[in-house]
Amino acid sequence: MWFFILAELLVFGVFFLAYAFARTRNVELFNASQLELDQLSGAINTVLLISSSYFVVRAVDQIRHDRSRSCAYWLIAAMTCGGTFLALKLVEFGAKLEAGITMSTNTFFMFYLGLGFFHFMHVVLGMVILGAVTLKAWKGGYSATSYGGVETGAAYWHMVDLVWIILFPLIYVLH
């Protein structure tokens, strides 16, 4: 899993560098296009993912104390935050498409929609992983002496959160 996480971070890093390079060539376009984004939605999504990472930390702590059901409840809370993140992103993407904004609108929106959707799909995968871990925890499949699956799922989820913590200011805030 660590190899997969590092490979994913490398891919996102390449995308972030490409974004930075393109931005230096079109600063005015990028700044003007950023003004069309919903910063409040992006900020709410940031709070949702940071909260979900906290909930995942609590889940790991609970399984270390042999509290399998409590672990599952914390994971459900994390997935609820993730699901809300996805719903807000769908609304945000829908508004852009409704306004006629696509990946071919300009370079900024190519990155905004491309990176946003790529991250979106990682959130979906993270929720699938957390869902599988939750089911196993609910059934008592982990214990204080055997909880590697919970930690593995948590590590992936933290990667998804870390990428958003970089993506949010890069796309929504920095001018």
Protein backbone atom coordinates (compact mmCIF):
# COMPACT_ATOMS: atom_id res chain seq x y z
CA MET A 1 0.00 0.00 0.00
CA TRP A 2 2.84 2.40 0.77
CA PHE A 3 4.24 1.92 -2.72
CA PHE A 4 0.80 2.68 -4.18
CA ILE A 5 0.40 5.78 -1.97
CA LEU A 6 3.84 7.08 -2.92
CA ALA A 7 3.13 6.45 -6.61
CA GLU A 8 -0.15 8.37 -6.31
CA LEU A 9 1.59 11.25 -4.56
CA LEU A 10 4.17 11.30 -7.35
CA VAL A 11 1.43 11.52 -10.00
CA PHE A 12 -0.29 14.35 -8.14
CA GLY A 13 3.09 16.06 -7.69
CA VAL A 14 3.68 15.99 -11.44
CA PHE A 15 0.22 17.48 -12.01
CA PHE A 16 0.90 20.19 -9.42
CA LEU A 17 4.20 21.07 -11.13
CA ALA A 18 2.48 21.21 -14.52
CA TYR A 19 -0.17 23.49 -13.00
CA ALA A 20 2.50 25.78 -11.51
CA PHE A 21 4.37 25.91 -14.82
CA ALA A 22 1.20 26.73 -16.79
CA ARG A 23 0.20 29.34 -14.23
CA THR A 24 3.51 31.20 -14.58
CA ARG A 25 2.78 31.52 -18.32
CA ASN A 26 -0.82 32.79 -17.85
CA VAL A 27 -1.02 34.52 -14.46
CA GLU A 28 -3.80 36.91 -15.48
CA LEU A 29 -5.95 34.14 -16.98
CA PHE A 30 -5.49 31.93 -13.91
CA ASN A 31 -6.29 34.79 -11.50
CA ALA A 32 -9.41 35.80 -13.46
CA SER A 33 -10.62 32.21 -13.75
CA GLN A 34 -10.08 31.56 -10.02
CA LEU A 35 -12.60 34.32 -9.30
CA GLU A 36 -15.27 32.11 -10.88
CA LEU A 37 -14.75 29.37 -8.28
CA ASP A 38 -16.83 28.93 -5.16
CA GLN A 39 -14.21 29.41 -2.43
CA LEU A 40 -16.78 28.73 0.30
CA SER A 41 -17.51 25.32 -1.16
CA GLY A 42 -13.78 24.61 -1.36
CA ALA A 43 -13.30 25.72 2.26
CA ILE A 44 -16.21 23.57 3.46
CA ASN A 45 -14.74 20.61 1.61
CA THR A 46 -11.41 21.27 3.31
CA VAL A 47 -13.06 21.18 6.73
CA LEU A 48 -14.91 17.99 5.74
CA LEU A 49 -11.74 16.16 4.72
CA ILE A 50 -9.71 17.34 7.70
CA SER A 51 -12.57 16.24 9.98
CA SER A 52 -12.75 12.89 8.22
CA SER A 53 -9.03 12.36 8.79
CA TYR A 54 -9.57 13.08 12.50
CA PHE A 55 -12.36 10.50 12.55
CA VAL A 56 -10.07 7.94 10.90
CA VAL A 57 -7.42 8.63 13.57
CA ARG A 58 -10.09 8.00 16.22
CA ALA A 59 -11.04 4.73 14.47
CA VAL A 60 -7.43 3.52 14.57
CA ASP A 61 -7.21 4.46 18.24
CA GLN A 62 -10.40 2.56 19.01
CA ILE A 63 -9.27 -0.65 17.31
CA ARG A 64 -5.95 -0.45 19.16
CA HIS A 65 -8.07 -0.62 22.32
CA ASP A 66 -10.03 -3.60 20.93
CA ARG A 67 -13.20 -1.55 20.37
CA SER A 68 -14.23 -2.87 16.97
CA ARG A 69 -17.76 -1.38 16.89
CA SER A 70 -16.51 2.01 17.99
CA CYS A 71 -13.87 1.82 15.25
CA ALA A 72 -16.63 1.15 12.72
CA TYR A 73 -18.68 4.12 13.96
CA TRP A 74 -15.70 6.47 13.56
CA LEU A 75 -15.12 5.13 10.05
CA ILE A 76 -18.79 5.72 9.22
CA ALA A 77 -18.36 9.32 10.40
CA ALA A 78 -15.32 9.66 8.12
CA MET A 79 -17.22 8.24 5.17
CA THR A 80 -20.12 10.58 5.86
CA CYS A 81 -17.71 13.50 5.56
CA GLY A 82 -16.28 11.97 2.38
CA GLY A 83 -19.76 11.51 0.91
CA THR A 84 -20.65 15.10 1.72
CA PHE A 85 -17.39 16.21 0.06
CA LEU A 86 -18.36 14.28 -3.08
CA ALA A 87 -21.87 15.75 -3.11
CA LEU A 88 -20.50 19.30 -2.85
CA LYS A 89 -17.97 18.62 -5.61
CA LEU A 90 -20.76 17.30 -7.86
CA VAL A 91 -22.77 20.46 -7.26
CA GLU A 92 -19.70 22.56 -7.96
CA PHE A 93 -18.82 20.64 -11.14
CA GLY A 94 -22.46 20.75 -12.25
CA ALA A 95 -22.57 24.53 -11.86
CA LYS A 96 -19.46 24.90 -14.00
CA LEU A 97 -20.82 22.62 -16.72
CA GLU A 98 -24.18 24.41 -16.62
CA ALA A 99 -22.33 27.71 -17.13
CA GLY A 100 -20.68 26.21 -20.21
CA ILE A 101 -17.29 25.74 -18.56
CA THR A 102 -15.47 22.60 -19.67
CA MET A 103 -11.88 21.38 -19.79
CA SER A 104 -11.51 23.14 -23.16
CA THR A 105 -12.66 26.54 -21.84
CA ASN A 106 -9.10 27.55 -20.92
CA THR A 107 -5.93 26.19 -19.35
CA PHE A 108 -7.01 27.02 -15.81
CA PHE A 109 -10.31 25.16 -16.12
CA MET A 110 -8.55 22.22 -17.75
CA PHE A 111 -6.48 21.89 -14.55
CA TYR A 112 -9.38 22.74 -12.21
CA LEU A 113 -11.69 20.11 -13.70
CA GLY A 114 -8.95 17.57 -14.42
CA LEU A 115 -7.27 17.71 -11.03
CA GLY A 116 -10.62 18.05 -9.27
CA PHE A 117 -12.05 14.97 -10.96
CA PHE A 118 -8.85 12.98 -10.45
CA HIS A 119 -8.99 13.79 -6.74
CA PHE A 120 -12.74 13.09 -6.71
CA MET A 121 -12.07 9.55 -7.96
CA HIS A 122 -9.46 9.07 -5.23
CA VAL A 123 -12.05 10.07 -2.64
CA VAL A 124 -14.43 7.49 -4.14
CA LEU A 125 -11.71 4.80 -3.93
CA GLY A 126 -10.89 5.88 -0.38
CA MET A 127 -14.52 5.49 0.60
CA VAL A 128 -14.62 2.02 -0.94
CA ILE A 129 -11.53 1.08 1.09
CA LEU A 130 -12.96 2.59 4.29
CA GLY A 131 -16.27 0.84 3.59
CA ALA A 132 -14.56 -2.55 3.36
CA VAL A 133 -12.59 -1.84 6.55
CA THR A 134 -15.78 -0.71 8.29
CA LEU A 135 -17.62 -3.92 7.41
CA LYS A 136 -14.76 -6.06 8.66
CA ALA A 137 -14.50 -3.99 11.86
CA TRP A 138 -18.26 -4.23 12.40
CA LYS A 139 -18.05 -8.02 12.13
CA GLY A 140 -15.18 -8.14 14.63
CA GLY A 141 -12.53 -8.88 12.01
CA TYR A 142 -9.93 -6.67 13.69
CA SER A 143 -8.56 -6.67 17.20
CA ALA A 144 -6.03 -4.89 19.38
CA THR A 145 -3.40 -7.33 18.11
CA SER A 146 -4.47 -7.46 14.45
CA TYR A 147 -5.52 -4.16 12.93
CA GLY A 148 -3.18 -3.66 9.97
CA GLY A 149 -6.12 -3.30 7.58
CA VAL A 150 -7.48 -0.35 9.57
CA GLU A 151 -4.10 1.36 9.49
CA THR A 152 -3.70 0.67 5.77
CA GLY A 153 -7.11 2.15 4.98
CA ALA A 154 -6.30 5.11 7.22
CA ALA A 155 -3.00 5.71 5.43
CA TYR A 156 -4.74 5.85 2.05
CA TRP A 157 -7.42 8.18 3.41
CA HIS A 158 -4.78 10.51 4.86
CA MET A 159 -3.11 10.63 1.43
CA VAL A 160 -6.41 11.72 -0.12
CA ASP A 161 -6.73 14.41 2.55
CA LEU A 162 -3.13 15.57 2.10
CA VAL A 163 -3.61 15.97 -1.64
CA TRP A 164 -6.72 18.12 -1.04
CA ILE A 165 -4.84 20.26 1.50
CA ILE A 166 -2.38 21.06 -1.32
CA LEU A 167 -4.99 21.24 -4.07
CA PHE A 168 -7.37 23.64 -2.30
CA PRO A 169 -4.98 26.57 -1.86
CA LEU A 170 -3.29 25.89 -5.19
CA ILE A 171 -6.52 26.03 -7.20
CA TYR A 172 -8.82 28.19 -5.07
CA VAL A 173 -6.66 30.62 -3.10
CA LEU A 174 -3.13 31.37 -4.33
CA HIS A 175 -2.84 34.34 -6.68
